[in-house]
Protein backbone atom coordinates (compact mmCIF):
# COMPACT_ATOMS: atom_id res chain seq x y z
CA MET A 1 -0.13 0.04 0.29
CA SER A 2 1.26 3.55 -0.85
CA ASP A 3 2.32 6.12 1.73
CA TYR A 4 -0.35 8.94 0.42
CA ASP A 5 -3.13 8.80 -2.63
CA VAL A 6 -1.44 12.23 -3.67
CA ILE A 7 2.08 13.07 -3.23
CA ILE A 8 2.41 16.94 -4.52
CA ALA A 9 6.29 17.91 -5.32
CA GLY A 10 6.35 22.31 -4.43
CA GLY A 11 4.68 23.85 -2.25
CA GLY A 12 4.21 27.08 -4.27
CA LEU A 13 0.81 28.61 -5.14
CA ALA A 14 -0.05 26.02 -7.93
CA GLY A 15 0.94 23.27 -5.62
CA THR A 16 -1.28 24.08 -2.45
CA ILE A 17 -4.20 25.12 -5.03
CA THR A 18 -3.79 22.15 -6.56
CA ALA A 19 -4.58 20.30 -2.87
CA GLN A 20 -7.53 21.91 -2.15
CA SER A 21 -8.67 21.16 -4.89
CA ILE A 22 -8.49 17.45 -4.44
CA ALA A 23 -9.71 17.79 -1.23
CA HIS A 24 -13.05 19.74 -2.66
CA TYR A 25 -13.49 17.27 -5.41
CA SER A 26 -12.67 14.17 -3.43
CA ASN A 27 -15.58 11.99 -2.55
CA GLN A 28 -13.55 10.24 0.12
CA ASN A 29 -11.06 10.66 2.18
CA VAL A 30 -8.12 11.52 0.10
CA ARG A 31 -4.18 10.96 1.96
CA ILE A 32 -2.73 14.32 0.21
CA LEU A 33 1.37 15.26 0.86
CA VAL A 34 2.79 18.31 0.19
CA VAL A 35 6.51 17.95 0.03
CA ASP A 36 8.72 21.66 0.13
CA ARG A 37 11.85 22.52 -0.45
CA ASN A 38 11.65 25.56 2.24
CA PRO A 39 11.53 25.54 6.12
CA ASP A 40 8.16 25.96 7.47
CA MET A 41 8.37 29.35 7.80
CA LEU A 42 9.37 30.49 4.33
CA PRO A 43 6.89 28.06 2.36
CA GLY A 44 6.57 27.72 -1.04
CA ARG A 45 9.51 30.21 -2.07
CA LYS A 46 11.09 30.13 -5.83
CA SER A 47 14.44 30.79 -4.44
CA LEU A 48 16.82 32.40 -1.97
CA SER A 49 15.63 35.84 -3.18
CA GLY A 50 11.75 34.69 -2.58
CA TRP A 51 8.85 35.15 -4.83
CA VAL A 52 10.54 36.93 -7.38
CA CYS A 53 7.11 37.45 -9.57
CA GLY A 54 4.98 40.96 -10.34
CA ASP A 55 2.64 39.53 -7.69
CA ALA A 56 -0.84 40.57 -10.42
CA CYS A 57 -3.16 38.13 -11.26
CA SER A 58 -6.63 39.25 -12.64
CA LYS A 59 -9.95 39.04 -10.84
CA GLU A 60 -11.14 36.71 -13.12
CA ALA A 61 -8.64 33.66 -12.59
CA VAL A 62 -9.52 34.11 -8.67
CA ASP A 63 -13.15 34.33 -9.04
CA TYR A 64 -12.99 30.96 -11.16
CA MET A 65 -10.86 29.02 -8.63
CA SER A 66 -13.36 30.89 -5.42
CA SER A 67 -16.27 29.99 -7.06
CA ARG A 68 -15.40 26.06 -8.05
CA ILE A 69 -13.77 25.16 -5.32
CA LYS A 70 -14.88 27.59 -2.15
CA VAL A 71 -11.04 29.29 -1.35
CA ASN A 72 -11.99 33.00 -0.80
CA TRP A 73 -8.93 35.28 -1.05
CA THR A 74 -8.83 38.45 1.18
CA ARG A 75 -6.83 40.99 2.94
CA PRO A 76 -3.63 40.49 4.14
CA GLU A 77 -3.15 38.27 1.02
CA ILE A 78 -4.66 40.74 -1.30
CA GLU A 79 -2.36 43.77 -0.98
CA HIS A 80 -3.77 46.20 -3.45
CA ASP A 81 -6.38 46.39 -5.77
CA VAL A 82 -6.40 47.32 -9.75
CA LYS A 83 -8.63 47.95 -12.49
CA GLY A 84 -6.72 46.62 -15.22
CA VAL A 85 -3.30 46.99 -16.98
CA MET A 86 -2.50 49.60 -19.44
CA ALA A 87 0.14 48.85 -21.67
CA PHE A 88 2.52 51.81 -23.32
CA SER A 89 4.36 51.68 -26.48
CA PRO A 90 8.20 52.83 -26.69
CA ASP A 91 7.06 56.16 -27.70
CA LYS A 92 4.73 56.47 -24.90
CA GLU A 93 2.03 58.42 -27.53
CA THR A 94 -0.12 54.92 -27.58
CA ALA A 95 -1.04 53.37 -24.60
CA ILE A 96 -3.68 50.11 -24.61
CA PRO A 97 -5.51 48.86 -21.92
CA PHE A 98 -6.17 44.97 -21.09
CA ASP A 99 -6.77 42.21 -18.69
CA GLY A 100 -9.88 44.16 -16.76
CA ALA A 101 -9.84 44.26 -13.23
CA GLY A 102 -7.48 42.09 -10.80
CA TYR A 103 -5.31 42.13 -7.31
CA MET A 104 -2.03 42.81 -6.26
CA LEU A 105 -1.03 39.65 -3.87
CA ASN A 106 1.22 40.00 -1.35
CA ARG A 107 3.73 36.88 -2.00
CA GLN A 108 4.78 36.21 1.35
CA LYS A 109 1.85 36.34 3.12
CA LEU A 110 -0.28 34.04 0.41
CA PRO A 111 1.39 31.06 1.13
CA GLU A 112 1.62 31.28 4.43
CA ILE A 113 -2.23 31.47 4.69
CA GLN A 114 -2.75 28.96 1.80
CA ASN A 115 -1.13 26.20 3.98
CA GLU A 116 -2.81 26.90 6.90
CA ARG A 117 -6.60 27.00 4.89
CA CYS A 118 -4.75 23.36 3.49
CA ILE A 119 -3.89 22.44 7.10
CA LYS A 120 -7.78 22.31 7.96
CA LYS A 121 -8.56 20.33 5.06
CA GLY A 122 -6.27 17.46 6.61
CA ILE A 123 -3.63 17.87 3.98
CA GLU A 124 -0.19 17.36 5.21
CA PHE A 125 3.27 19.36 4.78
CA GLU A 126 7.04 17.86 5.40
CA TYR A 127 9.24 20.77 4.99
CA GLU A 128 13.25 20.97 4.25
CA ILE A 129 12.81 17.71 1.56
CA ASN A 130 15.31 18.20 -1.45
CA LEU A 131 13.75 15.51 -4.23
CA THR A 132 16.15 14.57 -6.55
CA GLY A 133 13.66 12.40 -9.33
CA LEU A 134 10.06 9.61 -8.94
CA ILE A 135 10.37 6.09 -7.76
CA TYR A 136 8.69 4.01 -10.62
CA ASP A 137 7.36 0.85 -10.86
CA GLY A 138 7.84 -0.19 -14.63
CA GLN A 139 5.61 2.39 -16.60
CA GLN A 140 3.99 4.11 -13.63
CA ALA A 141 5.34 6.36 -10.87
CA VAL A 142 5.34 5.74 -7.36
CA GLY A 143 6.72 7.81 -5.06
CA VAL A 144 9.70 10.59 -4.67
CA GLN A 145 12.75 10.22 -3.47
CA GLY A 146 15.22 12.92 -2.53
CA LYS A 147 16.89 13.59 0.66
CA ASP A 148 15.74 15.28 3.98
CA ASN A 149 17.47 18.07 4.45
CA LYS A 150 16.80 18.31 8.58
CA THR A 151 18.36 14.76 9.28
CA ASN A 152 20.76 14.79 6.19
CA GLN A 153 18.80 10.82 5.47
CA PRO A 154 17.33 9.50 2.23
CA TYR A 155 14.12 10.82 1.63
CA LYS A 156 11.52 8.27 0.00
CA LYS A 157 7.66 8.30 -0.08
CA THR A 158 4.90 6.52 -1.94
CA ALA A 159 1.89 7.66 -3.89
CA LYS A 160 -0.33 6.68 -6.54
CA ILE A 161 -0.13 9.84 -8.30
CA VAL A 162 2.70 12.55 -7.77
CA ILE A 163 2.13 15.88 -9.06
CA ASP A 164 4.87 17.85 -10.04
CA ALA A 165 4.45 21.89 -9.00
CA THR A 166 8.08 22.18 -8.93
CA GLY A 167 9.00 25.14 -10.79
CA VAL A 168 10.23 26.13 -14.26
CA ALA A 169 13.62 23.97 -13.77
CA SER A 170 11.82 20.60 -12.38
CA VAL A 171 14.45 17.98 -11.99
CA LEU A 172 11.30 15.69 -12.10
CA ARG A 173 10.55 16.68 -15.12
CA ASN A 174 13.90 16.57 -16.69
CA GLY A 175 14.80 13.17 -15.14
CA LEU A 176 11.44 11.94 -16.12
CA LYS A 177 11.95 8.11 -17.65
CA ASN A 178 8.31 7.14 -17.93
CA SER A 179 7.37 9.08 -21.12
CA THR A 180 8.64 9.93 -24.71
CA LYS A 181 5.05 13.04 -24.95
CA VAL A 182 6.27 15.20 -22.19
CA GLU A 183 8.76 18.05 -22.46
CA LYS A 184 11.76 17.31 -20.54
CA ARG A 185 13.33 20.54 -21.60
CA ILE A 186 12.67 24.25 -22.43
CA ASP A 187 14.25 26.43 -25.25
CA ARG A 188 16.33 28.80 -23.82
CA ARG A 189 14.69 31.61 -25.81
CA ASP A 190 11.47 30.50 -23.98
CA LEU A 191 12.55 31.56 -21.09
CA GLU A 192 13.01 35.01 -19.74
CA SER A 193 15.61 36.88 -16.82
CA THR A 194 12.74 38.90 -14.58
CA GLY A 195 14.10 40.84 -11.80
CA ARG A 196 12.12 42.86 -9.28
CA TYR A 197 12.15 45.40 -7.02
CA ILE A 198 9.70 45.59 -4.15
CA MET A 199 9.82 49.55 -2.41
CA TYR A 200 8.38 52.35 -0.50
CA PHE A 201 9.18 55.88 -2.80
CA GLU A 202 8.24 59.38 -2.39
CA PRO A 203 5.84 60.82 -5.14
CA GLY A 204 8.18 63.34 -7.65
CA GLN A 205 5.95 64.51 -10.60
CA LYS A 206 2.96 63.08 -11.35
CA ASP A 207 2.73 61.14 -14.79
CA LEU A 208 0.41 58.84 -15.20
CA SER A 209 2.76 56.78 -18.12
CA GLU A 210 5.12 56.21 -14.90
CA PHE A 211 3.09 54.95 -12.15
CA ASP A 212 -0.53 54.93 -11.28
CA PRO A 213 -2.03 53.87 -8.21
CA ASP A 214 -5.09 52.91 -10.18
CA TYR A 215 -3.30 50.24 -13.01
CA CYS A 216 -0.75 47.93 -13.76
CA ILE A 217 2.03 49.69 -16.11
CA ILE A 218 3.62 47.86 -18.80
CA HIS A 219 6.25 49.89 -20.83
CA LEU A 220 7.15 47.92 -24.13
CA ASP A 221 11.17 48.98 -25.30
CA GLN A 222 13.57 47.45 -26.72
CA ASP A 223 16.49 49.17 -25.47
CA ILE A 224 15.64 48.46 -21.26
CA ALA A 225 13.75 45.20 -21.77
CA PRO A 226 14.92 43.83 -24.61
CA GLY A 227 12.76 40.93 -25.93
CA GLY A 228 10.13 41.52 -22.36
CA TYR A 229 9.21 44.44 -21.01
CA GLY A 230 9.30 46.55 -18.09
CA TRP A 231 6.44 47.10 -15.59
CA VAL A 232 5.37 49.39 -12.50
CA PHE A 233 2.95 47.13 -10.65
CA PRO A 234 1.18 49.50 -7.87
CA LYS A 235 0.92 48.37 -4.14
CA ALA A 236 0.06 51.51 -2.45
CA ASP A 237 0.04 55.06 -3.24
CA ASN A 238 3.31 55.09 -2.10
CA LYS A 239 4.72 51.38 -2.75
CA VAL A 240 5.36 49.51 -5.89
CA ASN A 241 6.64 46.12 -7.27
CA ILE A 242 8.68 47.54 -9.97
CA GLY A 243 11.04 45.30 -12.51
CA LEU A 244 11.78 43.93 -16.11
CA GLY A 245 12.12 41.32 -17.82
CA VAL A 246 14.75 40.68 -20.85
CA GLU A 247 15.42 37.40 -23.36
CA LYS A 248 18.84 36.71 -22.82
CA SER A 249 20.06 36.46 -27.22
CA LEU A 250 18.30 39.67 -27.47
CA LEU A 251 19.93 41.37 -24.65
CA GLU A 252 23.27 40.70 -26.64
CA ARG A 253 21.76 41.96 -29.19
CA ARG A 254 20.84 45.31 -27.94
CA ASN A 255 24.24 45.52 -26.11
CA SER A 256 26.13 44.89 -29.11
CA ARG A 257 23.82 47.35 -31.01
CA LEU A 258 24.33 50.29 -28.16
CA GLY A 259 27.92 49.08 -27.19
CA LYS A 260 26.94 48.28 -23.70
CA LYS A 261 27.73 45.60 -21.35
CA ASP A 262 24.16 45.28 -19.07
CA ASN A 263 22.67 42.50 -17.22
CA VAL A 264 19.35 42.22 -15.64
CA GLU A 265 20.49 44.08 -12.60
CA SER A 266 22.12 47.34 -14.14
CA LEU A 267 19.12 47.72 -16.38
CA MET A 268 16.56 46.98 -13.31
CA LYS A 269 18.83 50.54 -11.63
CA GLU A 270 18.60 52.35 -14.79
CA TYR A 271 14.99 51.55 -15.01
CA LEU A 272 13.97 52.78 -11.46
CA GLN A 273 16.46 55.74 -12.12
CA ARG A 274 14.95 57.09 -14.82
CA ASN A 275 10.98 56.78 -12.90
CA ALA A 276 10.39 60.50 -12.46
CA VAL A 277 7.22 59.44 -9.90
CA ILE A 278 9.30 57.49 -7.97
CA LYS A 279 11.88 59.07 -6.05
CA ASN A 280 13.99 58.48 -2.63
CA ALA A 281 12.68 54.53 -3.37
CA LYS A 282 13.52 52.04 -0.57
CA LEU A 283 13.51 48.78 -0.01
CA SER A 284 10.32 47.57 1.77
CA GLU A 285 11.32 46.91 5.18
CA ASP A 286 7.94 45.29 6.03
CA LYS A 287 7.92 41.92 7.75
CA GLU A 288 5.17 40.85 4.75
CA ASP A 289 8.22 41.70 2.77
CA ILE A 290 11.57 41.57 3.97
CA ASN A 291 12.84 37.83 3.05
CA ASN A 292 11.09 38.98 -0.51
CA ASN A 293 11.62 42.50 -1.62
CA SER A 294 14.63 42.40 -4.49
CA GLY A 295 15.69 39.30 -6.68
CA ILE A 296 16.12 37.91 -10.00
CA PHE A 297 14.23 34.72 -11.44
CA GLN A 298 13.86 32.59 -14.85
CA VAL A 299 10.37 32.49 -15.73
CA SER A 300 8.88 30.52 -19.42
CA VAL A 301 6.90 32.55 -21.73
CA ARG A 302 5.59 29.72 -24.31
CA ARG A 303 2.57 27.58 -24.13
CA GLN A 304 2.20 25.04 -21.64
CA ASN A 305 4.34 21.67 -21.89
CA ASP A 306 2.48 19.81 -25.11
CA CYS A 307 1.65 16.79 -22.85
CA MET A 308 1.17 17.12 -19.24
CA VAL A 309 0.70 13.67 -18.19
CA SER A 310 2.52 10.68 -17.70
CA GLY A 311 1.47 7.19 -15.73
CA GLY A 312 0.93 8.15 -12.34
CA TYR A 313 2.61 11.72 -12.64
CA VAL A 314 1.19 15.21 -13.50
CA LEU A 315 2.69 18.75 -14.52
CA VAL A 316 1.02 22.46 -13.08
CA GLY A 317 2.02 25.74 -12.61
CA ASP A 318 5.80 26.91 -13.55
CA SER A 319 6.86 23.14 -14.35
CA ALA A 320 4.28 22.97 -17.17
CA TRP A 321 5.46 26.00 -18.45
CA MET A 322 2.03 27.69 -17.73
CA PRO A 323 2.97 31.33 -17.34
CA LYS A 324 0.82 33.62 -20.23
CA PRO A 325 3.60 33.70 -23.26
CA ILE A 326 2.32 37.53 -23.84
CA ASP A 327 2.85 38.54 -20.40
CA ALA A 328 5.00 36.09 -18.17
CA GLY A 329 1.84 35.98 -15.83
CA GLY A 330 2.04 32.48 -14.00
CA ILE A 331 -0.31 33.37 -11.10
CA GLY A 332 -4.13 33.43 -13.21
CA PRO A 333 -2.51 29.85 -15.07
CA ALA A 334 -1.85 28.44 -12.12
CA LEU A 335 -4.78 29.45 -10.24
CA ILE A 336 -7.21 27.70 -13.74
CA ALA A 337 -4.97 24.69 -13.63
CA GLY A 338 -5.02 23.80 -10.43
CA THR A 339 -8.37 24.29 -10.05
CA ILE A 340 -8.88 21.62 -13.33
CA LEU A 341 -6.73 19.29 -12.02
CA GLY A 342 -8.16 18.56 -8.45
CA ASN A 343 -11.32 17.25 -10.43
CA ASN A 344 -8.77 15.32 -12.44
CA ILE A 345 -7.01 13.47 -9.94
CA ALA A 346 -10.56 12.47 -7.87
CA GLN A 347 -11.92 11.32 -10.86
CA ALA A 348 -9.07 9.18 -11.68
CA LEU A 349 -8.51 8.18 -8.14
CA GLU A 350 -12.02 7.17 -7.73
CA ALA A 351 -11.72 5.52 -11.32
CA ASN A 352 -8.59 3.50 -9.37
CA ASP A 353 -6.79 4.35 -13.04
CA VAL A 354 -3.41 6.69 -12.95
CA SER A 355 -2.48 5.51 -16.09
CA GLU A 356 -1.22 8.11 -18.58
CA ALA A 357 -4.56 7.02 -20.68
CA GLY A 358 -6.64 7.88 -16.79
CA LEU A 359 -5.18 11.12 -16.07
CA TRP A 360 -5.15 12.37 -19.88
CA GLN A 361 -8.13 14.25 -19.56
CA TYR A 362 -6.51 16.73 -17.20
CA ASN A 363 -4.62 17.92 -20.59
CA LEU A 364 -8.02 17.61 -22.59
CA ASP A 365 -9.35 20.55 -20.04
CA PHE A 366 -6.75 22.61 -19.17
CA ILE A 367 -6.80 23.74 -23.20
CA LYS A 368 -10.07 23.86 -23.15
CA GLU A 369 -10.26 26.09 -20.54
CA TYR A 370 -7.03 28.26 -20.92
CA GLY A 371 -3.87 26.14 -23.46
CA TYR A 372 -5.59 26.18 -26.29
CA LYS A 373 -4.88 29.96 -26.92
CA THR A 374 -1.11 29.64 -25.49
CA ALA A 375 0.54 28.71 -28.93
CA GLY A 376 -0.60 31.96 -30.91
CA LEU A 377 0.36 33.66 -28.15
CA GLU A 378 3.65 32.18 -28.02
CA LEU A 379 3.71 33.38 -31.97
CA PHE A 380 3.16 36.81 -31.39
CA ARG A 381 5.71 37.44 -28.26
CA ARG A 382 8.37 36.29 -30.75
CA LEU A 383 6.91 38.19 -33.84
CA VAL A 384 6.85 41.75 -30.78
CA GLN A 385 10.95 40.82 -30.20
CA GLN A 386 11.46 40.72 -33.75
CA MET A 387 10.35 44.31 -33.77
CA THR A 388 12.23 47.82 -33.11
CA ASN A 389 10.74 50.74 -30.71
CA ASP A 390 9.66 52.46 -34.27
CA GLN A 391 7.91 49.39 -35.35
CA ILE A 392 6.53 48.43 -31.77
CA SER A 393 4.88 52.30 -31.23
CA TYR A 394 3.95 52.34 -35.02
CA GLY A 395 1.64 48.69 -34.76
CA MET A 396 0.46 49.84 -31.50
CA LYS A 397 -0.62 53.62 -32.84
CA HIS A 398 -1.79 52.17 -35.95
CA PHE A 399 -3.21 48.65 -36.10
CA LEU A 400 -3.82 46.90 -32.48
CA GLY A 401 -6.72 48.90 -30.86
CA ASN A 402 -8.58 47.98 -27.66
CA LEU A 403 -10.31 45.54 -28.92
CA ASP A 404 -7.45 43.89 -31.02
CA VAL A 405 -5.21 43.45 -27.93
CA GLU A 406 -8.41 41.87 -25.52
CA SER A 407 -9.15 39.16 -28.30
CA ILE A 408 -5.69 38.80 -28.77
CA SER A 409 -5.16 37.89 -25.02
CA LYS A 410 -8.29 35.60 -25.18
CA GLY A 411 -6.42 34.10 -28.01
CA GLU A 412 -8.97 35.14 -30.38
CA HIS A 413 -7.82 36.17 -33.55
CA PRO A 414 -8.20 39.62 -34.55
CA ASP A 415 -8.94 40.57 -37.85
CA PHE A 416 -5.90 42.23 -39.87
CA THR A 417 -6.57 41.24 -43.47
CA GLY A 418 -8.15 44.74 -44.14
CA LEU A 419 -5.16 46.11 -42.95
CA GLY A 420 -4.40 49.22 -45.31
CA LYS A 421 -7.47 48.88 -46.98
CA ILE A 422 -9.37 50.92 -44.79
CA GLY A 423 -8.03 54.29 -46.01
CA MET A 424 -4.69 54.07 -43.64
CA ILE A 425 -1.91 54.43 -45.98
CA ILE A 426 0.76 52.46 -45.01
CA ARG A 427 3.79 54.46 -45.73
CA GLY A 428 7.50 52.83 -46.26
CA ALA A 429 8.71 49.59 -45.57
CA MET A 430 9.17 49.50 -41.82
CA ASN A 431 5.39 49.75 -41.67
CA LYS A 432 4.50 47.15 -44.03
CA THR A 433 6.50 44.93 -42.42
CA VAL A 434 4.08 45.08 -38.62
CA ALA A 435 1.55 45.03 -40.83
CA ASP A 436 2.40 41.65 -43.06
CA GLY A 437 3.70 40.11 -39.92
CA LEU A 438 0.69 41.22 -37.70
CA ARG A 439 -1.78 39.23 -40.77
CA TYR A 440 0.40 36.54 -40.61
CA THR A 441 0.07 36.11 -36.83
CA SER A 442 -2.93 36.60 -36.86
CA LYS A 443 -3.50 33.67 -40.08
CA GLU A 444 -1.16 31.41 -37.88
CA ASN A 445 -3.29 31.45 -34.46
CA GLN A 446 -6.80 31.07 -36.28
CA TRP A 447 -5.01 27.53 -37.30
CA LEU A 448 -3.22 26.93 -34.25
CA VAL A 449 -6.55 27.63 -31.69
CA GLU A 450 -8.31 25.55 -34.46
CA HIS A 451 -5.10 22.62 -33.86
CA TYR A 452 -5.59 22.60 -30.12
CA GLY A 453 -9.32 22.23 -30.80
CA ASN A 454 -8.16 19.14 -32.05
CA TYR A 455 -6.01 17.82 -29.08
CA PRO A 456 -6.12 13.60 -29.15
CA LYS A 457 -8.65 12.08 -27.10
CA ASP A 458 -6.34 9.57 -26.00
CA PRO A 459 -2.26 9.39 -25.89
CA SER A 460 -2.17 7.17 -28.99
CA GLY A 461 -3.50 9.92 -31.53
CA PHE A 462 -0.47 12.33 -29.78
CA ASP A 463 2.56 12.08 -31.24
CA GLU A 464 0.87 12.83 -34.66
CA TRP A 465 -0.76 15.73 -33.11
CA ASN A 466 2.15 16.57 -32.19
CA LYS A 467 4.57 16.62 -35.19
CA THR A 468 2.27 18.52 -37.18
CA LEU A 469 1.90 21.45 -34.06
CA HIS A 470 5.93 21.39 -33.98
CA GLN A 471 6.47 21.78 -38.34
CA ARG A 472 3.94 24.17 -38.16
CA MET A 473 5.68 26.12 -35.34
CA ASP A 474 8.69 25.84 -36.68
CA ALA A 475 7.96 27.00 -39.84
CA ALA A 476 5.91 29.93 -38.35
CA PHE A 477 9.64 30.95 -35.74
CA ALA A 478 11.43 31.03 -39.14
CA LYS A 479 8.90 33.55 -41.01
CA VAL A 480 8.72 35.90 -38.10
CA GLU A 481 12.36 35.87 -37.72
CA ALA A 482 12.32 37.56 -41.25
CA PHE A 483 9.99 39.99 -40.08
CA GLY A 484 13.33 41.13 -38.15
CA LYS A 485 15.43 41.11 -40.63
C-alpha cells in the first residue's frame, strides 16, 4: 500500500491550490502530502531571493478558483486592487488597456495563509526536503525520492499519483523516465530573466505613464527591456513592485547595438532611476516583504508543455510552463490549472486508474479552458520581440485597438486582413513589415486554435498531432524571425 494517495512536489501556489482542489472534489478521504524544499516559515519560496514575481493576478482567475473550490482570498494576501493593465508603446504615445480588474498579492503572506487553509482540510506538509527524482514501478511513477535536509537522511515516500509543482527548472520533469510525450527541457529562447524590487517611495512629478495607483503599467521598450518589458505595478499610493524581463540573446543583440555591457541588474537600476514619479525609493522592510524585496528569477514564456501527464505523474504551474507567453503572468494560469487538476485527480482516484490514459483528461480540460490560446500568444511574442521600438510604437498606434489586444489575450484572432485598405496608407517598408507580421500571426493563430481544438482524446493520437504542431510552429518562427531582418 502507498504512503499517500497523492504527493504534491512543491508547496508554492500551484501546488497548494491543486491540493485544496483535490480535497474539495474528492468524495472519499484522500491522503495528500505536500513536499516543500523550503523551511516552514518560508513556504513555497521560489529561490533564496524570495517569490520573485510581478505579484499581479486577474480578478477573473481568482473568481474562477473561488467559485469552484470555495477558496476565498481576502486581505492581507490581497494587498491592493487594480482596474487593469495599461501597456505603453516605446514612444509613450499609445496606451492600450487589457486584462480587466485584478489584484496585487502579497507573495510572502499568501503561502502562509494557503498552508493554514490546507492543514484545516487535513492536507499534510513536509518541509526542507530536496527531491532528486521519481520512484517507478515499470511504466508507472509511484513516489518521490531525495534527501531530508533536516536529518541528512535519504527521503522516500510512495503515492498513487505524484503532482509536479516544483517550478520551471523541475528536476522531476528533466529526469522523467516513463514518457516520450512530456517535453523535458525548455528552449533557452522561451525563458526570460526577470528581476524586480518591492519599494516604498516619495512621489515626484505626476505622470500616469510612469506610475498609476489604479493600473499595472507595462512599458514595451527594446532598449531597457529587450525581448521583454518593464513593469510598474502599484501596491499602494507610495509602494510599488517595479521590475523588468529580458530575453538573453536579445539582450546580447541590444548590448552590441548600443555598445553596452548591461545585465538584468544594471537595467533594473536604470529603469528605476529614470522613473520621474518614483523618488527616493527604498526597499520595503515590512515583515511581509523582508524576505522578498528584491531578486532575479527565470520565467517561461511559451505554450504549456505539449503533454502534461504520464503514468502516475502530472505537471502543473511553472513546471508545466504555464505562465502566459505574452506577459509571463503565471498566477492566473496556475489558479485555473490547479482548480481543474483537482477535479481530474479526484476522478482518476475514484476510477482507480492513474495510468497515462486515466490522467489524460487533464490535458483536454486545461486546453479547453485556457491552453488553446497559448501557442498563438507564443508566436505573437516572437513577432513583437523581432520589432524595433519604432515598429512597436507604429503598430500600437495604427493597428492595435483596445478590442484587438483583448482578443489577442483571449486567444481569439483579430482580423488584420483589411490592414491598409481602410483608408490607412501604409507608407514605407517598416510599416508594411509590421502589417505583414500582424496579418501573418493572426492567420497562424487561427490555425493553432483550431489544432488545439483537435487535441487527441487519448494518448494514441498524440504523436501525430504533436508532429504537425511542431512542423507548423517551426515554420512560423522562421517566418516571423525573417520579419525582423
